[in-house]
Amino acid sequence: MSRKNVNVQEKSKTDKEHHLLFNTIAPVYGLFFNRQKRKFAEVLQRVEPELDLTRFTTILDVGCGTGALCSVLHQKGLEVTGIEPATKMLSIAKRKTKAQDINLMQANVLEGLAFEKNSFDIAIASYVAHGLLPDERKRLYKEMGRVAKEYVVIYDYNQKRSALTSLIEWMEGGDYFHFIRNAEKEMKGCGTELKACFSEVRVINADVRASWYVCTPLLDQDI
């Protein structure tokens, strides 16, 4: 068997494991929907002086989970599209936001999205990047940069995370620690040797333990 086929099988196995995990824990996430909404609303207000999302019209929430951030963004007046690969997460999101005009779709950003280039003003991913492997994050950045006209926002942990968070991430065996140490550098140089994904990466302190990595897509990128 070729190494390429082995890699494909390993990737398929990893994707299935991730989907199984998030489908399993979806009901638990659903219990914290209102709490998550309050947290997201506080963060949006806190970062508003540096990046006011209400200045824009359309936004894509990548890995939207149970839809808490989608709901808050819609309440802020944005036209919201949320994508999520885990079917049970998406089912809860649709139920929780049924009174709102939010476009929720099953899709995996790592497999490419069925949106045209520059389809949205903003693309945001909340606590998605740290759980991915380096090559997966590159695909995340590239695809988000392709569909976003103005900014890509990677909302994730910073280096002031709690000891409990570090312990959990260590037990999960992901790439969390590498991401935290290298997030800004990684986003600036995630493309090929001739092309990066973003022309600028600006860091906004969203709260004590998390940051918004605000990335400006390259105008001429052809991914």
Protein backbone atom coordinates (compact mmCIF):
# COMPACT_ATOMS: atom_id res chain seq x y z
CA MET A 1 0.00 0.00 0.00
CA SER A 2 1.37 3.43 -0.93
CA ARG A 3 2.11 6.07 1.67
CA LYS A 4 -0.49 8.30 0.02
CA ASN A 5 -3.21 5.68 0.54
CA VAL A 6 -2.13 5.25 4.16
CA ASN A 7 -2.41 9.01 4.71
CA VAL A 8 -5.88 9.08 3.18
CA GLN A 9 -7.00 6.21 5.42
CA GLU A 10 -5.51 7.88 8.49
CA LYS A 11 -7.23 11.16 7.63
CA SER A 12 -10.55 9.40 7.09
CA LYS A 13 -10.21 7.62 10.43
CA THR A 14 -9.35 10.87 12.21
CA ASP A 15 -12.32 12.68 10.66
CA LYS A 16 -14.67 9.89 11.70
CA GLU A 17 -13.31 9.96 15.25
CA HIS A 18 -13.76 13.74 15.45
CA HIS A 19 -17.32 13.55 14.13
CA LEU A 20 -18.13 10.73 16.56
CA LEU A 21 -16.72 12.73 19.47
CA PHE A 22 -18.65 15.90 18.66
CA ASN A 23 -21.86 14.02 17.92
CA THR A 24 -21.49 12.31 21.30
CA ILE A 25 -20.92 15.50 23.28
CA ALA A 26 -23.46 17.61 21.34
CA PRO A 27 -26.21 17.27 23.99
CA VAL A 28 -23.81 18.52 26.66
CA TYR A 29 -22.90 21.55 24.53
CA GLY A 30 -26.59 22.19 24.04
CA LEU A 31 -27.05 22.59 27.80
CA PHE A 32 -24.62 25.52 27.80
CA PHE A 33 -26.18 27.32 24.80
CA ASN A 34 -27.49 30.34 26.74
CA ARG A 35 -24.30 30.64 28.76
CA GLN A 36 -22.26 30.57 25.56
CA LYS A 37 -24.49 33.26 24.07
CA ARG A 38 -23.86 35.55 27.03
CA LYS A 39 -20.12 34.95 26.77
CA PHE A 40 -20.04 35.65 23.03
CA ALA A 41 -22.10 38.82 23.49
CA GLU A 42 -19.65 40.07 26.12
CA VAL A 43 -16.68 39.34 23.87
CA LEU A 44 -18.23 41.09 20.86
CA GLN A 45 -18.83 44.16 22.99
CA ARG A 46 -15.28 44.05 24.36
CA VAL A 47 -13.58 43.87 20.96
CA GLU A 48 -15.94 46.37 19.30
CA PRO A 49 -13.58 49.38 19.64
CA GLU A 50 -10.97 47.51 17.59
CA LEU A 51 -13.22 45.47 15.29
CA ASP A 52 -16.91 46.32 15.11
CA LEU A 53 -18.54 43.44 13.24
CA THR A 54 -21.78 45.40 12.87
CA ARG A 55 -20.03 47.51 10.20
CA PHE A 56 -20.27 44.48 7.93
CA THR A 57 -23.21 42.65 6.38
CA THR A 58 -22.42 38.97 5.89
CA ILE A 59 -20.53 36.54 8.10
CA LEU A 60 -19.64 32.85 7.97
CA ASP A 61 -19.28 30.95 11.25
CA VAL A 62 -16.98 27.98 10.59
CA GLY A 63 -17.55 25.08 12.97
CA CYS A 64 -20.62 26.73 14.45
CA GLY A 65 -21.39 23.90 16.88
CA THR A 66 -24.78 24.39 18.53
CA GLY A 67 -25.18 27.85 17.02
CA ALA A 68 -24.62 30.14 20.02
CA LEU A 69 -22.28 32.51 18.17
CA CYS A 70 -24.53 32.45 15.10
CA SER A 71 -27.44 33.51 17.28
CA VAL A 72 -25.54 36.45 18.81
CA LEU A 73 -24.23 37.59 15.43
CA HIS A 74 -27.77 37.52 14.02
CA GLN A 75 -29.00 39.59 16.96
CA LYS A 76 -26.30 42.10 16.06
CA GLY A 77 -27.93 42.50 12.64
CA LEU A 78 -25.62 40.40 10.47
CA GLU A 79 -26.66 37.96 7.77
CA VAL A 80 -25.29 34.74 9.25
CA THR A 81 -24.31 31.43 7.68
CA GLY A 82 -23.08 28.67 9.98
CA ILE A 83 -21.37 25.46 8.87
CA GLU A 84 -20.79 22.40 11.02
CA PRO A 85 -19.70 18.84 10.08
CA ALA A 86 -21.22 17.09 13.13
CA THR A 87 -24.87 16.29 12.39
CA LYS A 88 -26.04 16.27 16.01
CA MET A 89 -24.38 19.62 16.73
CA LEU A 90 -26.11 21.03 13.67
CA SER A 91 -29.46 19.57 14.70
CA ILE A 92 -29.24 21.33 18.06
CA ALA A 93 -28.18 24.58 16.36
CA LYS A 94 -31.25 24.47 14.11
CA ARG A 95 -33.53 23.85 17.07
CA LYS A 96 -31.97 26.53 19.25
CA THR A 97 -32.06 29.20 16.51
CA LYS A 98 -35.31 28.23 14.76
CA ALA A 99 -36.83 31.66 15.47
CA GLN A 100 -33.93 33.39 13.69
CA ASP A 101 -33.20 33.66 9.98
CA ILE A 102 -29.84 31.88 10.06
CA ASN A 103 -28.56 29.70 7.24
CA LEU A 104 -27.18 26.52 8.84
CA MET A 105 -25.46 23.92 6.68
CA GLN A 106 -23.59 20.67 7.14
CA ALA A 107 -20.12 21.20 5.69
CA ASN A 108 -16.49 20.55 6.54
CA VAL A 109 -14.13 23.44 5.86
CA LEU A 110 -11.21 21.00 5.54
CA GLU A 111 -12.84 19.42 2.50
CA GLY A 112 -13.50 22.75 0.78
CA LEU A 113 -16.67 24.83 0.81
CA ALA A 114 -19.26 25.27 -1.90
CA PHE A 115 -19.05 29.06 -1.71
CA GLU A 116 -17.59 31.38 -4.32
CA LYS A 117 -14.50 33.43 -3.58
CA ASN A 118 -15.25 36.49 -1.41
CA SER A 119 -18.76 35.25 -0.61
CA PHE A 120 -18.74 36.78 2.89
CA ASP A 121 -17.46 39.98 4.44
CA ILE A 122 -16.13 38.08 7.46
CA ALA A 123 -15.32 34.44 8.20
CA ILE A 124 -14.92 33.49 11.87
CA ALA A 125 -13.92 30.25 13.58
CA SER A 126 -14.39 30.01 17.33
CA TYR A 127 -12.18 27.51 19.20
CA VAL A 128 -11.69 25.42 16.07
CA ALA A 129 -8.05 25.96 15.11
CA HIS A 130 -6.39 24.67 18.28
CA GLY A 131 -7.97 21.23 17.86
CA LEU A 132 -6.57 20.71 14.37
CA LEU A 133 -3.24 19.36 13.18
CA PRO A 134 -0.84 21.80 11.42
CA ASP A 135 -1.75 20.73 7.87
CA GLU A 136 -5.44 20.91 8.75
CA ARG A 137 -5.04 24.43 10.09
CA LYS A 138 -3.39 25.47 6.84
CA ARG A 139 -6.43 24.23 4.96
CA LEU A 140 -8.67 26.07 7.43
CA TYR A 141 -6.82 29.36 6.93
CA LYS A 142 -6.69 29.02 3.16
CA GLU A 143 -10.37 28.21 2.76
CA MET A 144 -11.51 30.91 5.15
CA GLY A 145 -9.24 33.39 3.38
CA ARG A 146 -10.74 32.38 0.05
CA VAL A 147 -14.36 33.00 1.03
CA ALA A 148 -13.81 36.17 3.11
CA LYS A 149 -13.56 39.64 1.55
CA GLU A 150 -12.51 41.70 4.56
CA TYR A 151 -11.27 39.64 7.49
CA VAL A 152 -10.77 36.14 8.81
CA VAL A 153 -11.15 35.96 12.58
CA ILE A 154 -9.60 33.03 14.43
CA TYR A 155 -11.05 33.18 17.94
CA ASP A 156 -9.03 30.87 20.16
CA TYR A 157 -6.97 30.39 23.28
CA ASN A 158 -3.91 32.48 24.06
CA GLN A 159 -0.95 31.57 26.23
CA LYS A 160 -2.77 32.53 29.44
CA ARG A 161 -5.04 29.51 29.32
CA SER A 162 -5.95 27.81 32.58
CA ALA A 163 -4.05 24.82 33.97
CA LEU A 164 -7.21 22.72 33.55
CA THR A 165 -7.43 23.61 29.86
CA SER A 166 -3.79 22.66 29.35
CA LEU A 167 -4.34 19.34 31.14
CA ILE A 168 -7.39 18.48 29.04
CA GLU A 169 -5.65 19.40 25.80
CA TRP A 170 -2.59 17.36 26.79
CA MET A 171 -4.80 14.34 27.49
CA GLU A 172 -6.51 14.73 24.11
CA GLY A 173 -3.09 14.59 22.44
CA GLY A 174 -3.78 17.30 19.86
CA ASP A 175 -1.59 20.09 18.56
CA TYR A 176 -2.88 22.66 21.02
CA PHE A 177 0.45 23.67 22.57
CA HIS A 178 2.18 24.18 19.24
CA PHE A 179 -0.74 26.28 18.04
CA ILE A 180 -0.67 28.53 21.11
CA ARG A 181 3.07 29.19 20.76
CA ASN A 182 3.03 29.81 17.02
CA ALA A 183 -0.47 31.05 16.09
CA GLU A 184 0.44 34.49 14.72
CA LYS A 185 3.53 33.28 12.83
CA GLU A 186 1.64 30.28 11.50
CA MET A 187 -1.20 32.37 10.07
CA LYS A 188 1.20 34.74 8.32
CA GLY A 189 3.01 31.93 6.51
CA CYS A 190 0.47 29.18 6.01
CA GLY A 191 0.61 28.94 2.24
CA THR A 192 3.20 27.57 -0.12
CA GLU A 193 6.77 28.83 -0.24
CA LEU A 194 5.64 31.51 -2.69
CA LYS A 195 2.39 32.56 -1.05
CA ALA A 196 1.04 33.16 2.42
CA CYS A 197 -2.64 33.18 3.30
CA PHE A 198 -2.88 36.61 4.87
CA SER A 199 -1.18 39.96 4.39
CA GLU A 200 -1.60 40.95 8.04
CA VAL A 201 -2.42 39.29 11.35
CA ARG A 202 -3.54 41.50 14.22
CA VAL A 203 -4.13 40.16 17.74
CA ILE A 204 -6.97 41.48 19.89
CA ASN A 205 -7.33 40.38 23.49
CA ALA A 206 -10.87 39.02 23.63
CA ASP A 207 -10.65 38.09 27.29
CA VAL A 208 -8.05 36.88 29.78
CA ARG A 209 -7.57 33.44 28.20
CA ALA A 210 -8.47 33.99 24.54
CA SER A 211 -7.59 36.21 21.60
CA TRP A 212 -9.01 37.22 18.26
CA TYR A 213 -6.42 36.68 15.54
CA VAL A 214 -7.75 39.12 12.93
CA CYS A 215 -6.33 38.19 9.54
CA THR A 216 -6.49 40.20 6.31
CA PRO A 217 -6.83 37.92 3.26
CA LEU A 218 -4.50 38.50 0.33
CA LEU A 219 -6.36 40.34 -2.41
CA ASP A 220 -4.77 38.35 -5.22
CA GLN A 221 -4.77 34.89 -3.64
CA ASP A 222 -5.93 32.13 -5.94
CA ILE A 223 -6.41 29.07 -3.75
